[in-house]
Amino acid sequence: MDILSIAQITVAIIVIVLILIQERSSGMSGIFGGGGGDSFYQTRRGLEKIVFSATIIGMALFAILALLNILV
């Protein structure tokens, strides 16, 4: 197992943890765009904002590592 695979697995685990610790909006109806309303556009403050930003960065890093893993 090379360093890219290990990095990708590590980032995947971190992203999973970050997603799980985020506040849930409106259950299953939130998945399909119903119910909760503007949960994506609500104002985030403090730790919630940090976790949200870290999740976005982690997902982008995971996508980059996946592309690098395919190309190398």
N, C-alpha and C. Protein backbone atom coordinates (compact mmCIF):
# COMPACT_ATOMS: atom_id res chain seq x y z
N MET A 1 0.84 -1.17 0.00
CA MET A 1 0.00 0.00 0.00
C MET A 1 0.89 1.25 0.00
N ASP A 2 0.68 2.11 -0.96
CA ASP A 2 1.53 3.29 -1.07
C ASP A 2 0.98 4.46 -0.24
N ILE A 3 1.72 5.54 -0.24
CA ILE A 3 1.39 6.69 0.61
C ILE A 3 0.09 7.37 0.19
N LEU A 4 -0.22 7.38 -1.13
CA LEU A 4 -1.47 8.00 -1.59
C LEU A 4 -2.69 7.24 -1.08
N SER A 5 -2.62 5.93 -1.09
CA SER A 5 -3.74 5.13 -0.60
C SER A 5 -3.95 5.33 0.90
N ILE A 6 -2.86 5.36 1.64
CA ILE A 6 -2.95 5.57 3.08
C ILE A 6 -3.52 6.96 3.38
N ALA A 7 -3.06 7.97 2.63
CA ALA A 7 -3.57 9.33 2.82
C ALA A 7 -5.06 9.41 2.47
N GLN A 8 -5.47 8.73 1.41
CA GLN A 8 -6.87 8.74 1.01
C GLN A 8 -7.75 8.07 2.05
N ILE A 9 -7.32 6.96 2.60
CA ILE A 9 -8.08 6.28 3.65
C ILE A 9 -8.18 7.15 4.90
N THR A 10 -7.07 7.79 5.25
CA THR A 10 -7.06 8.66 6.43
C THR A 10 -8.02 9.84 6.26
N VAL A 11 -7.97 10.48 5.09
CA VAL A 11 -8.87 11.61 4.83
C VAL A 11 -10.32 11.14 4.80
N ALA A 12 -10.58 9.96 4.26
CA ALA A 12 -11.94 9.44 4.22
C ALA A 12 -12.49 9.23 5.64
N ILE A 13 -11.68 8.69 6.52
CA ILE A 13 -12.11 8.48 7.91
C ILE A 13 -12.38 9.82 8.59
N ILE A 14 -11.51 10.79 8.36
CA ILE A 14 -11.70 12.12 8.96
C ILE A 14 -12.98 12.77 8.45
N VAL A 15 -13.25 12.66 7.15
CA VAL A 15 -14.47 13.24 6.58
C VAL A 15 -15.71 12.55 7.15
N ILE A 16 -15.67 11.24 7.31
CA ILE A 16 -16.79 10.51 7.89
C ILE A 16 -17.08 11.01 9.30
N VAL A 17 -16.03 11.17 10.10
CA VAL A 17 -16.20 11.66 11.47
C VAL A 17 -16.77 13.08 11.47
N LEU A 18 -16.25 13.94 10.60
CA LEU A 18 -16.75 15.31 10.52
C LEU A 18 -18.22 15.36 10.12
N ILE A 19 -18.62 14.50 9.20
CA ILE A 19 -20.03 14.46 8.79
C ILE A 19 -20.90 13.97 9.93
N LEU A 20 -20.43 12.98 10.67
CA LEU A 20 -21.24 12.43 11.76
C LEU A 20 -21.41 13.39 12.93
N ILE A 21 -20.44 14.28 13.16
CA ILE A 21 -20.58 15.19 14.30
C ILE A 21 -21.34 16.47 13.94
N GLN A 22 -21.70 16.65 12.67
CA GLN A 22 -22.50 17.81 12.30
C GLN A 22 -23.93 17.65 12.79
N GLU A 23 -24.56 18.79 13.04
CA GLU A 23 -25.94 18.80 13.50
C GLU A 23 -26.86 18.34 12.38
N ARG A 24 -27.79 17.46 12.70
CA ARG A 24 -28.73 16.97 11.70
C ARG A 24 -29.84 18.00 11.53
N SER A 25 -30.24 18.22 10.27
CA SER A 25 -31.24 19.27 10.02
C SER A 25 -32.67 18.75 10.17
N SER A 26 -33.14 17.93 9.26
CA SER A 26 -34.54 17.53 9.33
C SER A 26 -34.73 16.06 8.95
N GLY A 27 -33.83 15.23 9.32
CA GLY A 27 -33.99 13.80 9.08
C GLY A 27 -33.92 13.43 7.62
N MET A 28 -34.68 12.42 7.24
CA MET A 28 -34.65 11.90 5.88
C MET A 28 -35.22 12.89 4.87
N SER A 29 -36.14 13.77 5.29
CA SER A 29 -36.70 14.72 4.33
C SER A 29 -35.67 15.75 3.90
N GLY A 30 -34.66 16.00 4.72
CA GLY A 30 -33.60 16.94 4.36
C GLY A 30 -32.73 16.44 3.23
N ILE A 31 -32.66 15.12 3.06
CA ILE A 31 -31.85 14.54 2.00
C ILE A 31 -32.40 14.92 0.63
N PHE A 32 -33.72 14.93 0.51
CA PHE A 32 -34.35 15.16 -0.78
C PHE A 32 -34.77 16.61 -0.99
N GLY A 33 -34.31 17.50 -0.12
CA GLY A 33 -34.57 18.91 -0.31
C GLY A 33 -35.86 19.41 0.30
N GLY A 34 -36.59 18.57 0.99
CA GLY A 34 -37.85 19.01 1.60
C GLY A 34 -37.70 19.26 3.07
N GLY A 35 -38.73 19.78 3.65
CA GLY A 35 -38.76 19.91 5.11
C GLY A 35 -37.99 21.06 5.67
N GLY A 36 -36.72 20.90 5.93
CA GLY A 36 -35.93 21.83 6.70
C GLY A 36 -35.78 23.23 6.13
N GLY A 37 -36.03 23.43 4.88
CA GLY A 37 -35.92 24.77 4.32
C GLY A 37 -34.50 25.13 3.94
N ASP A 38 -34.02 26.23 4.47
CA ASP A 38 -32.71 26.76 4.09
C ASP A 38 -31.61 26.31 5.02
N SER A 39 -31.53 25.03 5.31
CA SER A 39 -30.52 24.54 6.25
C SER A 39 -29.10 24.70 5.70
N PHE A 40 -28.94 24.67 4.38
CA PHE A 40 -27.60 24.84 3.81
C PHE A 40 -27.14 26.29 3.91
N TYR A 41 -28.09 27.21 3.82
CA TYR A 41 -27.76 28.63 3.79
C TYR A 41 -27.87 29.32 5.14
N GLN A 42 -28.14 28.56 6.20
CA GLN A 42 -28.27 29.19 7.51
C GLN A 42 -26.92 29.69 8.01
N THR A 43 -26.96 30.63 8.92
CA THR A 43 -25.74 31.20 9.47
C THR A 43 -25.12 30.22 10.45
N ARG A 44 -23.86 29.90 10.22
CA ARG A 44 -23.14 29.00 11.11
C ARG A 44 -22.16 29.83 11.92
N ARG A 45 -22.05 29.49 13.21
CA ARG A 45 -21.15 30.24 14.07
C ARG A 45 -20.33 29.28 14.91
N GLY A 46 -19.16 29.73 15.27
CA GLY A 46 -18.32 28.99 16.21
C GLY A 46 -17.86 27.65 15.68
N LEU A 47 -17.99 26.64 16.52
CA LEU A 47 -17.51 25.30 16.19
C LEU A 47 -18.26 24.71 15.00
N GLU A 48 -19.55 25.02 14.87
CA GLU A 48 -20.33 24.51 13.75
C GLU A 48 -19.75 25.00 12.42
N LYS A 49 -19.32 26.25 12.37
CA LYS A 49 -18.72 26.80 11.15
C LYS A 49 -17.39 26.14 10.84
N ILE A 50 -16.59 25.89 11.88
CA ILE A 50 -15.29 25.25 11.69
C ILE A 50 -15.46 23.83 11.17
N VAL A 51 -16.40 23.08 11.75
CA VAL A 51 -16.64 21.70 11.33
C VAL A 51 -17.16 21.67 9.89
N PHE A 52 -18.06 22.59 9.55
CA PHE A 52 -18.61 22.65 8.19
C PHE A 52 -17.51 22.94 7.17
N SER A 53 -16.66 23.93 7.48
CA SER A 53 -15.57 24.28 6.57
C SER A 53 -14.55 23.14 6.45
N ALA A 54 -14.24 22.50 7.56
CA ALA A 54 -13.31 21.38 7.54
C ALA A 54 -13.86 20.22 6.72
N THR A 55 -15.18 20.02 6.76
CA THR A 55 -15.80 18.96 5.97
C THR A 55 -15.66 19.24 4.48
N ILE A 56 -15.91 20.48 4.08
CA ILE A 56 -15.78 20.86 2.67
C ILE A 56 -14.33 20.68 2.20
N ILE A 57 -13.39 21.14 3.01
CA ILE A 57 -11.97 21.01 2.66
C ILE A 57 -11.57 19.54 2.60
N GLY A 58 -12.05 18.75 3.54
CA GLY A 58 -11.74 17.32 3.56
C GLY A 58 -12.27 16.60 2.33
N MET A 59 -13.50 16.95 1.91
CA MET A 59 -14.06 16.32 0.72
C MET A 59 -13.29 16.71 -0.53
N ALA A 60 -12.87 17.96 -0.62
CA ALA A 60 -12.07 18.40 -1.76
C ALA A 60 -10.72 17.68 -1.78
N LEU A 61 -10.10 17.56 -0.61
CA LEU A 61 -8.83 16.85 -0.51
C LEU A 61 -8.99 15.38 -0.89
N PHE A 62 -10.09 14.77 -0.47
CA PHE A 62 -10.36 13.38 -0.82
C PHE A 62 -10.50 13.22 -2.34
N ALA A 63 -11.21 14.15 -2.98
CA ALA A 63 -11.38 14.09 -4.43
C ALA A 63 -10.04 14.24 -5.15
N ILE A 64 -9.21 15.15 -4.67
CA ILE A 64 -7.88 15.34 -5.28
C ILE A 64 -7.03 14.09 -5.11
N LEU A 65 -7.05 13.51 -3.92
CA LEU A 65 -6.28 12.28 -3.68
C LEU A 65 -6.80 11.13 -4.54
N ALA A 66 -8.12 11.06 -4.74
CA ALA A 66 -8.68 10.00 -5.58
C ALA A 66 -8.21 10.15 -7.03
N LEU A 67 -8.21 11.38 -7.53
CA LEU A 67 -7.72 11.62 -8.90
C LEU A 67 -6.24 11.30 -9.02
N LEU A 68 -5.46 11.71 -8.03
CA LEU A 68 -4.03 11.40 -8.05
C LEU A 68 -3.79 9.90 -8.00
N ASN A 69 -4.60 9.20 -7.22
CA ASN A 69 -4.47 7.75 -7.10
C ASN A 69 -4.77 7.06 -8.43
N ILE A 70 -5.71 7.61 -9.19
CA ILE A 70 -6.05 7.04 -10.50
C ILE A 70 -4.93 7.31 -11.51
N LEU A 71 -4.39 8.53 -11.48
CA LEU A 71 -3.39 8.93 -12.47
C LEU A 71 -2.02 8.33 -12.22
N VAL A 72 -1.70 8.04 -10.98
CA VAL A 72 -0.36 7.53 -10.65
C VAL A 72 -0.36 6.03 -10.60
